[in-house]
Amino acid sequence: IVLLGFLLYPLNKKGIDKHHPSIIDIGFIILALLGIGYI
């Protein structure tokens, strides 16, 4: 669910690429894999 969320929902509503995840999104995806994947 979290991985889907970071792919679909941007950091904010302005000045973002609406067709691809940003570097920040990818960073949070990695953190999600680490944080939830660890437990």
Full PDB file with SEQRES, HELIX, SHEET, SSBOND, CRYST1, ORIGX, SCALE, CONECT and MASTER records, all heavy atoms in Angstrom:
SEQRES   1 A   39  ILE VAL LEU LEU GLY PHE LEU LEU TYR PRO LEU ASN LYS          
SEQRES   2 A   39  LYS GLY ILE ASP LYS HIS HIS PRO SER ILE ILE ASP ILE          
SEQRES   3 A   39  GLY PHE ILE ILE LEU ALA LEU LEU GLY ILE GLY TYR ILE          
HELIX    1 AA1 VAL A    2  LEU A    8  1                                   7    
HELIX    2 AA2 ILE A   23  TYR A   38  1                                  16    
CRYST1    1.000    1.000    1.000  90.00  90.00  90.00 P 1           1          
ORIGX1      1.000000  0.000000  0.000000        0.00000                         
ORIGX2      0.000000  1.000000  0.000000        0.00000                         
ORIGX3      0.000000  0.000000  1.000000        0.00000                         
SCALE1      1.000000  0.000000  0.000000        0.00000                         
SCALE2      0.000000  1.000000  0.000000        0.00000                         
SCALE3      0.000000  0.000000  1.000000        0.00000                         
ATOM      1  N   ILE A   1       0.837  -1.206   0.000  1.00  0.00           N  
ATOM      2  CA  ILE A   1       0.000   0.000   0.000  1.00  0.00           C  
ATOM      3  C   ILE A   1       0.870   1.253   0.000  1.00  0.00           C  
ATOM      4  O   ILE A   1       0.627   2.212  -0.755  1.00  0.00           O  
ATOM      5  CB  ILE A   1      -0.938   0.003   1.224  1.00  0.00           C  
ATOM      6  CG1 ILE A   1      -2.087  -0.985   1.035  1.00  0.00           C  
ATOM      7  CG2 ILE A   1      -1.479   1.408   1.505  1.00  0.00           C  
ATOM      8  CD1 ILE A   1      -3.164  -0.552   0.076  1.00  0.00           C  
ATOM      9  N   VAL A   2       1.892   1.273   0.843  1.00  0.00           N  
ATOM     10  CA  VAL A   2       2.774   2.442   0.946  1.00  0.00           C  
ATOM     11  C   VAL A   2       3.519   2.676  -0.367  1.00  0.00           C  
ATOM     12  O   VAL A   2       3.647   3.819  -0.834  1.00  0.00           O  
ATOM     13  CB  VAL A   2       3.758   2.272   2.119  1.00  0.00           C  
ATOM     14  CG1 VAL A   2       4.845   3.345   2.083  1.00  0.00           C  
ATOM     15  CG2 VAL A   2       3.009   2.334   3.445  1.00  0.00           C  
ATOM     16  N   LEU A   3       4.009   1.614  -0.984  1.00  0.00           N  
ATOM     17  CA  LEU A   3       4.703   1.751  -2.269  1.00  0.00           C  
ATOM     18  C   LEU A   3       3.774   2.338  -3.334  1.00  0.00           C  
ATOM     19  O   LEU A   3       4.165   3.239  -4.092  1.00  0.00           O  
ATOM     20  CB  LEU A   3       5.240   0.393  -2.727  1.00  0.00           C  
ATOM     21  CG  LEU A   3       6.311  -0.254  -1.833  1.00  0.00           C  
ATOM     22  CD1 LEU A   3       6.733  -1.599  -2.401  1.00  0.00           C  
ATOM     23  CD2 LEU A   3       7.513   0.658  -1.673  1.00  0.00           C  
ATOM     24  N   LEU A   4       2.548   1.839  -3.389  1.00  0.00           N  
ATOM     25  CA  LEU A   4       1.579   2.395  -4.332  1.00  0.00           C  
ATOM     26  C   LEU A   4       1.305   3.865  -4.029  1.00  0.00           C  
ATOM     27  O   LEU A   4       1.182   4.693  -4.937  1.00  0.00           O  
ATOM     28  CB  LEU A   4       0.266   1.606  -4.258  1.00  0.00           C  
ATOM     29  CG  LEU A   4       0.245   0.216  -4.887  1.00  0.00           C  
ATOM     30  CD1 LEU A   4      -1.081  -0.474  -4.594  1.00  0.00           C  
ATOM     31  CD2 LEU A   4       0.455   0.304  -6.385  1.00  0.00           C  
ATOM     32  N   GLY A   5       1.216   4.182  -2.746  1.00  0.00           N  
ATOM     33  CA  GLY A   5       0.923   5.548  -2.348  1.00  0.00           C  
ATOM     34  C   GLY A   5       1.984   6.528  -2.808  1.00  0.00           C  
ATOM     35  O   GLY A   5       1.673   7.603  -3.343  1.00  0.00           O  
ATOM     36  N   PHE A   6       3.256   6.185  -2.645  1.00  0.00           N  
ATOM     37  CA  PHE A   6       4.334   7.094  -3.057  1.00  0.00           C  
ATOM     38  C   PHE A   6       4.424   7.213  -4.576  1.00  0.00           C  
ATOM     39  O   PHE A   6       4.890   8.230  -5.092  1.00  0.00           O  
ATOM     40  CB  PHE A   6       5.665   6.639  -2.472  1.00  0.00           C  
ATOM     41  CG  PHE A   6       5.840   7.040  -1.034  1.00  0.00           C  
ATOM     42  CD1 PHE A   6       5.992   6.084  -0.040  1.00  0.00           C  
ATOM     43  CD2 PHE A   6       5.849   8.375  -0.668  1.00  0.00           C  
ATOM     44  CE1 PHE A   6       6.143   6.451   1.285  1.00  0.00           C  
ATOM     45  CE2 PHE A   6       6.003   8.754   0.660  1.00  0.00           C  
ATOM     46  CZ  PHE A   6       6.146   7.788   1.640  1.00  0.00           C  
ATOM     47  N   LEU A   7       4.002   6.174  -5.288  1.00  0.00           N  
ATOM     48  CA  LEU A   7       3.977   6.278  -6.745  1.00  0.00           C  
ATOM     49  C   LEU A   7       2.846   7.181  -7.225  1.00  0.00           C  
ATOM     50  O   LEU A   7       3.003   7.936  -8.188  1.00  0.00           O  
ATOM     51  CB  LEU A   7       3.823   4.890  -7.367  1.00  0.00           C  
ATOM     52  CG  LEU A   7       5.055   3.974  -7.319  1.00  0.00           C  
ATOM     53  CD1 LEU A   7       4.678   2.571  -7.786  1.00  0.00           C  
ATOM     54  CD2 LEU A   7       6.185   4.533  -8.175  1.00  0.00           C  
ATOM     55  N   LEU A   8       1.705   7.130  -6.555  1.00  0.00           N  
ATOM     56  CA  LEU A   8       0.520   7.843  -7.021  1.00  0.00           C  
ATOM     57  C   LEU A   8       0.401   9.266  -6.488  1.00  0.00           C  
ATOM     58  O   LEU A   8      -0.098  10.153  -7.172  1.00  0.00           O  
ATOM     59  CB  LEU A   8      -0.738   7.067  -6.632  1.00  0.00           C  
ATOM     60  CG  LEU A   8      -1.230   6.004  -7.605  1.00  0.00           C  
ATOM     61  CD1 LEU A   8      -2.441   5.290  -7.027  1.00  0.00           C  
ATOM     62  CD2 LEU A   8      -1.595   6.618  -8.944  1.00  0.00           C  
ATOM     63  N   TYR A   9       0.831   9.485  -5.253  1.00  0.00           N  
ATOM     64  CA  TYR A   9       0.582  10.773  -4.597  1.00  0.00           C  
ATOM     65  C   TYR A   9       1.886  11.561  -4.464  1.00  0.00           C  
ATOM     66  O   TYR A   9       2.815  11.121  -3.785  1.00  0.00           O  
ATOM     67  CB  TYR A   9      -0.041  10.564  -3.217  1.00  0.00           C  
ATOM     68  CG  TYR A   9      -1.439  10.009  -3.280  1.00  0.00           C  
ATOM     69  CD1 TYR A   9      -1.657   8.633  -3.404  1.00  0.00           C  
ATOM     70  CD2 TYR A   9      -2.545  10.849  -3.232  1.00  0.00           C  
ATOM     71  CE1 TYR A   9      -2.940   8.117  -3.469  1.00  0.00           C  
ATOM     72  CE2 TYR A   9      -3.835  10.333  -3.293  1.00  0.00           C  
ATOM     73  CZ  TYR A   9      -4.028   8.972  -3.408  1.00  0.00           C  
ATOM     74  OH  TYR A   9      -5.296   8.454  -3.478  1.00  0.00           O  
ATOM     75  N   PRO A  10       1.966  12.749  -5.081  1.00  0.00           N  
ATOM     76  CA  PRO A  10       3.194  13.550  -5.034  1.00  0.00           C  
ATOM     77  C   PRO A  10       3.399  14.234  -3.685  1.00  0.00           C  
ATOM     78  O   PRO A  10       2.495  14.264  -2.846  1.00  0.00           O  
ATOM     79  CB  PRO A  10       2.971  14.583  -6.142  1.00  0.00           C  
ATOM     80  CG  PRO A  10       1.488  14.736  -6.203  1.00  0.00           C  
ATOM     81  CD  PRO A  10       0.922  13.376  -5.917  1.00  0.00           C  
ATOM     82  N   LEU A  11       4.583  14.803  -3.532  1.00  0.00           N  
ATOM     83  CA  LEU A  11       4.940  15.510  -2.292  1.00  0.00           C  
ATOM     84  C   LEU A  11       4.019  16.687  -2.052  1.00  0.00           C  
ATOM     85  O   LEU A  11       3.604  16.960  -0.937  1.00  0.00           O  
ATOM     86  CB  LEU A  11       6.399  15.980  -2.370  1.00  0.00           C  
ATOM     87  CG  LEU A  11       6.939  16.735  -1.160  1.00  0.00           C  
ATOM     88  CD1 LEU A  11       7.052  15.821   0.046  1.00  0.00           C  
ATOM     89  CD2 LEU A  11       8.312  17.340  -1.492  1.00  0.00           C  
ATOM     90  N   ASN A  12       3.711  17.428  -3.102  1.00  0.00           N  
ATOM     91  CA  ASN A  12       2.796  18.563  -2.999  1.00  0.00           C  
ATOM     92  C   ASN A  12       2.021  18.681  -4.308  1.00  0.00           C  
ATOM     93  O   ASN A  12       2.214  17.903  -5.227  1.00  0.00           O  
ATOM     94  CB  ASN A  12       3.558  19.855  -2.684  1.00  0.00           C  
ATOM     95  CG  ASN A  12       4.682  20.111  -3.678  1.00  0.00           C  
ATOM     96  OD1 ASN A  12       4.461  20.161  -4.885  1.00  0.00           O  
ATOM     97  ND2 ASN A  12       5.903  20.260  -3.175  1.00  0.00           N  
ATOM     98  N   LYS A  13       1.166  19.668  -4.369  1.00  0.00           N  
ATOM     99  CA  LYS A  13       0.256  19.792  -5.511  1.00  0.00           C  
ATOM    100  C   LYS A  13       0.778  20.692  -6.618  1.00  0.00           C  
ATOM    101  O   LYS A  13       0.159  20.838  -7.650  1.00  0.00           O  
ATOM    102  CB  LYS A  13      -1.104  20.342  -5.040  1.00  0.00           C  
ATOM    103  CG  LYS A  13      -1.677  19.663  -3.798  1.00  0.00           C  
ATOM    104  CD  LYS A  13      -1.858  18.175  -3.998  1.00  0.00           C  
ATOM    105  CE  LYS A  13      -2.508  17.523  -2.793  1.00  0.00           C  
ATOM    106  NZ  LYS A  13      -1.675  17.418  -1.611  1.00  0.00           N  
ATOM    107  N   LYS A  14       1.915  21.354  -6.390  1.00  0.00           N  
ATOM    108  CA  LYS A  14       2.422  22.310  -7.379  1.00  0.00           C  
ATOM    109  C   LYS A  14       3.857  21.969  -7.757  1.00  0.00           C  
ATOM    110  O   LYS A  14       4.633  21.482  -6.943  1.00  0.00           O  
ATOM    111  CB  LYS A  14       2.368  23.728  -6.818  1.00  0.00           C  
ATOM    112  CG  LYS A  14       0.948  24.215  -6.530  1.00  0.00           C  
ATOM    113  CD  LYS A  14       0.973  25.629  -5.964  1.00  0.00           C  
ATOM    114  CE  LYS A  14      -0.442  26.124  -5.669  1.00  0.00           C  
ATOM    115  NZ  LYS A  14      -0.442  27.481  -5.092  1.00  0.00           N  
ATOM    116  N   GLY A  15       4.189  22.267  -8.966  1.00  0.00           N  
ATOM    117  CA  GLY A  15       5.574  22.138  -9.421  1.00  0.00           C  
ATOM    118  C   GLY A  15       6.102  20.726  -9.396  1.00  0.00           C  
ATOM    119  O   GLY A  15       7.273  20.493  -9.114  1.00  0.00           O  
ATOM    120  N   ILE A  16       5.242  19.741  -9.682  1.00  0.00           N  
ATOM    121  CA  ILE A  16       5.697  18.344  -9.652  1.00  0.00           C  
ATOM    122  C   ILE A  16       5.435  17.698 -11.008  1.00  0.00           C  
ATOM    123  O   ILE A  16       4.595  18.135 -11.778  1.00  0.00           O  
ATOM    124  CB  ILE A  16       5.001  17.543  -8.524  1.00  0.00           C  
ATOM    125  CG1 ILE A  16       3.459  17.753  -8.567  1.00  0.00           C  
ATOM    126  CG2 ILE A  16       5.510  17.943  -7.177  1.00  0.00           C  
ATOM    127  CD1 ILE A  16       2.714  16.768  -9.352  1.00  0.00           C  
ATOM    128  N   ASP A  17       6.176  16.643 -11.269  1.00  0.00           N  
ATOM    129  CA  ASP A  17       5.963  15.860 -12.485  1.00  0.00           C  
ATOM    130  C   ASP A  17       4.789  14.918 -12.238  1.00  0.00           C  
ATOM    131  O   ASP A  17       4.864  14.034 -11.380  1.00  0.00           O  
ATOM    132  CB  ASP A  17       7.233  15.063 -12.813  1.00  0.00           C  
ATOM    133  CG  ASP A  17       7.119  14.320 -14.147  1.00  0.00           C  
ATOM    134  OD1 ASP A  17       5.990  14.217 -14.672  1.00  0.00           O  
ATOM    135  OD2 ASP A  17       8.156  13.874 -14.649  1.00  0.00           O  
ATOM    136  N   LYS A  18       3.716  15.119 -12.981  1.00  0.00           N  
ATOM    137  CA  LYS A  18       2.520  14.330 -12.742  1.00  0.00           C  
ATOM    138  C   LYS A  18       2.563  12.975 -13.427  1.00  0.00           C  
ATOM    139  O   LYS A  18       1.623  12.195 -13.313  1.00  0.00           O  
ATOM    140  CB  LYS A  18       1.287  15.103 -13.202  1.00  0.00           C  
ATOM    141  CG  LYS A  18       1.040  16.358 -12.392  1.00  0.00           C  
ATOM    142  CD  LYS A  18      -0.396  16.801 -12.509  1.00  0.00           C  
ATOM    143  CE  LYS A  18      -0.649  17.938 -11.526  1.00  0.00           C  
ATOM    144  NZ  LYS A  18      -2.070  18.249 -11.414  1.00  0.00           N  
ATOM    145  N   HIS A  19       3.615  12.681 -14.149  1.00  0.00           N  
ATOM    146  CA  HIS A  19       3.673  11.432 -14.909  1.00  0.00           C  
ATOM    147  C   HIS A  19       4.759  10.465 -14.420  1.00  0.00           C  
ATOM    148  O   HIS A  19       4.798   9.321 -14.859  1.00  0.00           O  
ATOM    149  CB  HIS A  19       3.897  11.738 -16.385  1.00  0.00           C  
ATOM    150  CG  HIS A  19       2.869  12.668 -16.964  1.00  0.00           C  
ATOM    151  ND1 HIS A  19       1.518  12.412 -16.886  1.00  0.00           N  
ATOM    152  CD2 HIS A  19       2.993  13.855 -17.621  1.00  0.00           C  
ATOM    153  CE1 HIS A  19       0.840  13.393 -17.477  1.00  0.00           C  
ATOM    154  NE2 HIS A  19       1.717  14.279 -17.926  1.00  0.00           N  
ATOM    155  N   HIS A  20       5.610  10.935 -13.511  1.00  0.00           N  
ATOM    156  CA  HIS A  20       6.687  10.079 -13.003  1.00  0.00           C  
ATOM    157  C   HIS A  20       6.988  10.450 -11.549  1.00  0.00           C  
ATOM    158  O   HIS A  20       6.874  11.617 -11.176  1.00  0.00           O  
ATOM    159  CB  HIS A  20       7.966  10.241 -13.841  1.00  0.00           C  
ATOM    160  CG  HIS A  20       7.775   9.942 -15.300  1.00  0.00           C  
ATOM    161  ND1 HIS A  20       7.724   8.660 -15.790  1.00  0.00           N  
ATOM    162  CD2 HIS A  20       7.607  10.767 -16.364  1.00  0.00           C  
ATOM    163  CE1 HIS A  20       7.534   8.704 -17.106  1.00  0.00           C  
ATOM    164  NE2 HIS A  20       7.461   9.972 -17.476  1.00  0.00           N  
ATOM    165  N   PRO A  21       7.382   9.479 -10.719  1.00  0.00           N  
ATOM    166  CA  PRO A  21       7.770   9.811  -9.351  1.00  0.00           C  
ATOM    167  C   PRO A  21       9.064  10.621  -9.327  1.00  0.00           C  
ATOM    168  O   PRO A  21       9.917  10.468 -10.203  1.00  0.00           O  
ATOM    169  CB  PRO A  21       7.954   8.435  -8.696  1.00  0.00           C  
ATOM    170  CG  PRO A  21       8.229   7.499  -9.830  1.00  0.00           C  
ATOM    171  CD  PRO A  21       7.468   8.039 -11.004  1.00  0.00           C  
ATOM    172  N   SER A  22       9.190  11.474  -8.313  1.00  0.00           N  
ATOM    173  CA  SER A  22      10.373  12.314  -8.188  1.00  0.00           C  
ATOM    174  C   SER A  22      11.467  11.585  -7.419  1.00  0.00           C  
ATOM    175  O   SER A  22      11.264  10.485  -6.890  1.00  0.00           O  
ATOM    176  CB  SER A  22      10.017  13.607  -7.455  1.00  0.00           C  
ATOM    177  OG  SER A  22       9.673  13.311  -6.108  1.00  0.00           O  
ATOM    178  N   ILE A  23      12.622  12.225  -7.337  1.00  0.00           N  
ATOM    179  CA  ILE A  23      13.733  11.667  -6.551  1.00  0.00           C  
ATOM    180  C   ILE A  23      13.325  11.517  -5.090  1.00  0.00           C  
ATOM    181  O   ILE A  23      13.666  10.522  -4.421  1.00  0.00           O  
ATOM    182  CB  ILE A  23      14.976  12.584  -6.660  1.00  0.00           C  
ATOM    183  CG1 ILE A  23      15.503  12.607  -8.095  1.00  0.00           C  
ATOM    184  CG2 ILE A  23      16.065  12.119  -5.697  1.00  0.00           C  
ATOM    185  CD1 ILE A  23      15.991  11.268  -8.591  1.00  0.00           C  
ATOM    186  N   ILE A  24      12.570  12.504  -4.585  1.00  0.00           N  
ATOM    187  CA  ILE A  24      12.112  12.429  -3.190  1.00  0.00           C  
ATOM    188  C   ILE A  24      11.194  11.227  -3.004  1.00  0.00           C  
ATOM    189  O   ILE A  24      11.293  10.505  -1.999  1.00  0.00           O  
ATOM    190  CB  ILE A  24      11.392  13.737  -2.798  1.00  0.00           C  
ATOM    191  CG1 ILE A  24      12.377  14.906  -2.821  1.00  0.00           C  
ATOM    192  CG2 ILE A  24      10.747  13.603  -1.418  1.00  0.00           C  
ATOM    193  CD1 ILE A  24      11.754  16.253  -2.554  1.00  0.00           C  
ATOM    194  N   ASP A  25      10.305  11.002  -3.960  1.00  0.00           N  
ATOM    195  CA  ASP A  25       9.407   9.843  -3.870  1.00  0.00           C  
ATOM    196  C   ASP A  25      10.199   8.536  -3.860  1.00  0.00           C  
ATOM    197  O   ASP A  25       9.896   7.629  -3.072  1.00  0.00           O  
ATOM    198  CB  ASP A  25       8.436   9.832  -5.058  1.00  0.00           C  
ATOM    199  CG  ASP A  25       7.554  11.064  -5.092  1.00  0.00           C  
ATOM    200  OD1 ASP A  25       7.145  11.515  -4.018  1.00  0.00           O  
ATOM    201  OD2 ASP A  25       7.292  11.576  -6.193  1.00  0.00           O  
ATOM    202  N   ILE A  26      11.183   8.457  -4.715  1.00  0.00           N  
ATOM    203  CA  ILE A  26      12.018   7.251  -4.766  1.00  0.00           C  
ATOM    204  C   ILE A  26      12.751   7.061  -3.449  1.00  0.00           C  
ATOM    205  O   ILE A  26      12.890   5.940  -2.938  1.00  0.00           O  
ATOM    206  CB  ILE A  26      13.005   7.331  -5.951  1.00  0.00           C  
ATOM    207  CG1 ILE A  26      12.224   7.306  -7.274  1.00  0.00           C  
ATOM    208  CG2 ILE A  26      14.004   6.172  -5.905  1.00  0.00           C  
ATOM    209  CD1 ILE A  26      13.067   7.573  -8.500  1.00  0.00           C  
ATOM    210  N   GLY A  27      13.202   8.183  -2.864  1.00  0.00           N  
ATOM    211  CA  GLY A  27      13.859   8.106  -1.562  1.00  0.00           C  
ATOM    212  C   GLY A  27      12.935   7.545  -0.499  1.00  0.00           C  
ATOM    213  O   GLY A  27      13.336   6.686   0.310  1.00  0.00           O  
ATOM    214  N   PHE A  28      11.680   8.015  -0.492  1.00  0.00           N  
ATOM    215  CA  PHE A  28      10.722   7.501   0.495  1.00  0.00           C  
ATOM    216  C   PHE A  28      10.372   6.041   0.214  1.00  0.00           C  
ATOM    217  O   PHE A  28      10.121   5.266   1.147  1.00  0.00           O  
ATOM    218  CB  PHE A  28       9.456   8.360   0.494  1.00  0.00           C  
ATOM    219  CG  PHE A  28       9.522   9.532   1.434  1.00  0.00           C  
ATOM    220  CD1 PHE A  28       9.605  10.827   0.953  1.00  0.00           C  
ATOM    221  CD2 PHE A  28       9.505   9.345   2.810  1.00  0.00           C  
ATOM    222  CE1 PHE A  28       9.674  11.918   1.809  1.00  0.00           C  
ATOM    223  CE2 PHE A  28       9.570  10.418   3.681  1.00  0.00           C  
ATOM    224  CZ  PHE A  28       9.652  11.708   3.179  1.00  0.00           C  
ATOM    225  N   ILE A  29      10.341   5.655  -1.051  1.00  0.00           N  
ATOM    226  CA  ILE A  29      10.086   4.249  -1.383  1.00  0.00           C  
ATOM    227  C   ILE A  29      11.186   3.363  -0.811  1.00  0.00           C  
ATOM    228  O   ILE A  29      10.917   2.289  -0.242  1.00  0.00           O  
ATOM    229  CB  ILE A  29       9.972   4.082  -2.912  1.00  0.00           C  
ATOM    230  CG1 ILE A  29       8.648   4.673  -3.410  1.00  0.00           C  
ATOM    231  CG2 ILE A  29      10.085   2.612  -3.320  1.00  0.00           C  
ATOM    232  CD1 ILE A  29       8.512   4.717  -4.910  1.00  0.00           C  
ATOM    233  N   ILE A  30      12.436   3.822  -0.931  1.00  0.00           N  
ATOM    234  CA  ILE A  30      13.560   3.062  -0.364  1.00  0.00           C  
ATOM    235  C   ILE A  30      13.431   2.973   1.147  1.00  0.00           C  
ATOM    236  O   ILE A  30      13.642   1.907   1.757  1.00  0.00           O  
ATOM    237  CB  ILE A  30      14.900   3.715  -0.773  1.00  0.00           C  
ATOM    238  CG1 ILE A  30      15.106   3.579  -2.285  1.00  0.00           C  
ATOM    239  CG2 ILE A  30      16.064   3.082  -0.017  1.00  0.00           C  
ATOM    240  CD1 ILE A  30      16.279   4.368  -2.819  1.00  0.00           C  
ATOM    241  N   LEU A  31      13.075   4.106   1.790  1.00  0.00           N  
ATOM    242  CA  LEU A  31      12.892   4.107   3.249  1.00  0.00           C  
ATOM    243  C   LEU A  31      11.754   3.169   3.660  1.00  0.00           C  
ATOM    244  O   LEU A  31      11.851   2.487   4.691  1.00  0.00           O  
ATOM    245  CB  LEU A  31      12.608   5.524   3.737  1.00  0.00           C  
ATOM    246  CG  LEU A  31      13.777   6.513   3.709  1.00  0.00           C  
ATOM    247  CD1 LEU A  31      13.312   7.900   4.140  1.00  0.00           C  
ATOM    248  CD2 LEU A  31      14.920   6.027   4.616  1.00  0.00           C  
ATOM    249  N   ALA A  32      10.688   3.130   2.849  1.00  0.00           N  
ATOM    250  CA  ALA A  32       9.577   2.228   3.151  1.00  0.00           C  
ATOM    251  C   ALA A  32      10.019   0.771   3.075  1.00  0.00           C  
ATOM    252  O   ALA A  32       9.673  -0.049   3.934  1.00  0.00           O  
ATOM    253  CB  ALA A  32       8.416   2.485   2.188  1.00  0.00           C  
ATOM    254  N   LEU A  33      10.791   0.458   2.045  1.00  0.00           N  
ATOM    255  CA  LEU A  33      11.303  -0.910   1.907  1.00  0.00           C  
ATOM    256  C   LEU A  33      12.184  -1.285   3.088  1.00  0.00           C  
ATOM    257  O   LEU A  33      12.137  -2.420   3.585  1.00  0.00           O  
ATOM    258  CB  LEU A  33      12.080  -1.044   0.594  1.00  0.00           C  
ATOM    259  CG  LEU A  33      11.237  -1.010  -0.691  1.00  0.00           C  
ATOM    260  CD1 LEU A  33      12.133  -0.859  -1.914  1.00  0.00           C  
ATOM    261  CD2 LEU A  33      10.385  -2.274  -0.806  1.00  0.00           C  
ATOM    262  N   LEU A  34      12.972  -0.317   3.551  1.00  0.00           N  
ATOM    263  CA  LEU A  34      13.845  -0.578   4.697  1.00  0.00           C  
ATOM    264  C   LEU A  34      13.047  -0.690   5.989  1.00  0.00           C  
ATOM    265  O   LEU A  34      13.200  -1.652   6.758  1.00  0.00           O  
ATOM    266  CB  LEU A  34      14.881   0.543   4.818  1.00  0.00           C  
ATOM    267  CG  LEU A  34      15.949   0.619   3.726  1.00  0.00           C  
ATOM    268  CD1 LEU A  34      16.795   1.881   3.892  1.00  0.00           C  
ATOM    269  CD2 LEU A  34      16.828  -0.626   3.756  1.00  0.00           C  
ATOM    270  N   GLY A  35      12.188   0.313   6.242  1.00  0.00           N  
ATOM    271  CA  GLY A  35      11.479   0.373   7.510  1.00  0.00           C  
ATOM    272  C   GLY A  35      10.497  -0.756   7.715  1.00  0.00           C  
ATOM    273  O   GLY A  35      10.503  -1.423   8.765  1.00  0.00           O  
ATOM    274  N   ILE A  36       9.648  -1.000   6.723  1.00  0.00           N  
ATOM    275  CA  ILE A  36       8.639  -2.060   6.868  1.00  0.00           C  
ATOM    276  C   ILE A  36       9.235  -3.415   6.506  1.00  0.00           C  
ATOM    277  O   ILE A  36       8.927  -4.431   7.136  1.00  0.00           O  
ATOM    278  CB  ILE A  36       7.401  -1.743   6.011  1.00  0.00           C  
ATOM    279  CG1 ILE A  36       6.836  -0.373   6.391  1.00  0.00           C  
ATOM    280  CG2 ILE A  36       6.333  -2.818   6.183  1.00  0.00           C  
ATOM    281  CD1 ILE A  36       5.676   0.086   5.530  1.00  0.00           C  
ATOM    282  N   GLY A  37      10.109  -3.425   5.492  1.00  0.00           N  
ATOM    283  CA  GLY A  37      10.746  -4.682   5.104  1.00  0.00           C  
ATOM    284  C   GLY A  37      11.569  -5.291   6.229  1.00  0.00           C  
ATOM    285  O   GLY A  37      11.620  -6.519   6.393  1.00  0.00           O  
ATOM    286  N   TYR A  38      12.187  -4.428   7.039  1.00  0.00           N  
ATOM    287  CA  TYR A  38      13.019  -4.922   8.144  1.00  0.00           C  
ATOM    288  C   TYR A  38      12.201  -5.753   9.128  1.00  0.00           C  
ATOM    289  O   TYR A  38      12.617  -6.856   9.520  1.00  0.00           O  
ATOM    290  CB  TYR A  38      13.665  -3.740   8.869  1.00  0.00           C  
ATOM    291  CG  TYR A  38      14.447  -4.142  10.099  1.00  0.00           C  
ATOM    292  CD1 TYR A  38      15.765  -4.578  10.009  1.00  0.00           C  
ATOM    293  CD2 TYR A  38      13.862  -4.104  11.363  1.00  0.00           C  
ATOM    294  CE1 TYR A  38      16.482  -4.962  11.136  1.00  0.00           C  
ATOM    295  CE2 TYR A  38      14.562  -4.484  12.500  1.00  0.00           C  
ATOM    296  CZ  TYR A  38      15.872  -4.912  12.384  1.00  0.00           C  
ATOM    297  OH  TYR A  38      16.570  -5.288  13.507  1.00  0.00           O  
ATOM    298  N   ILE A  39      11.031  -5.232   9.530  1.00  0.00           N  
ATOM    299  CA  ILE A  39      10.256  -5.959  10.544  1.00  0.00           C  
ATOM    300  C   ILE A  39       9.613  -7.207   9.941  1.00  0.00           C  
ATOM    301  O   ILE A  39       9.393  -8.203  10.631  1.00  0.00           O  
ATOM    302  CB  ILE A  39       9.197  -5.044  11.202  1.00  0.00           C  
ATOM    303  CG1 ILE A  39       8.658  -5.682  12.479  1.00  0.00           C  
ATOM    304  CG2 ILE A  39       8.072  -4.715  10.243  1.00  0.00           C  
ATOM    305  CD1 ILE A  39       9.696  -5.879  13.553  1.00  0.00           C  
TER     306      ILE A  39                                                      
MASTER        0    0    0    2    0    0    0    6  305    1    0    3          
END                                                                             
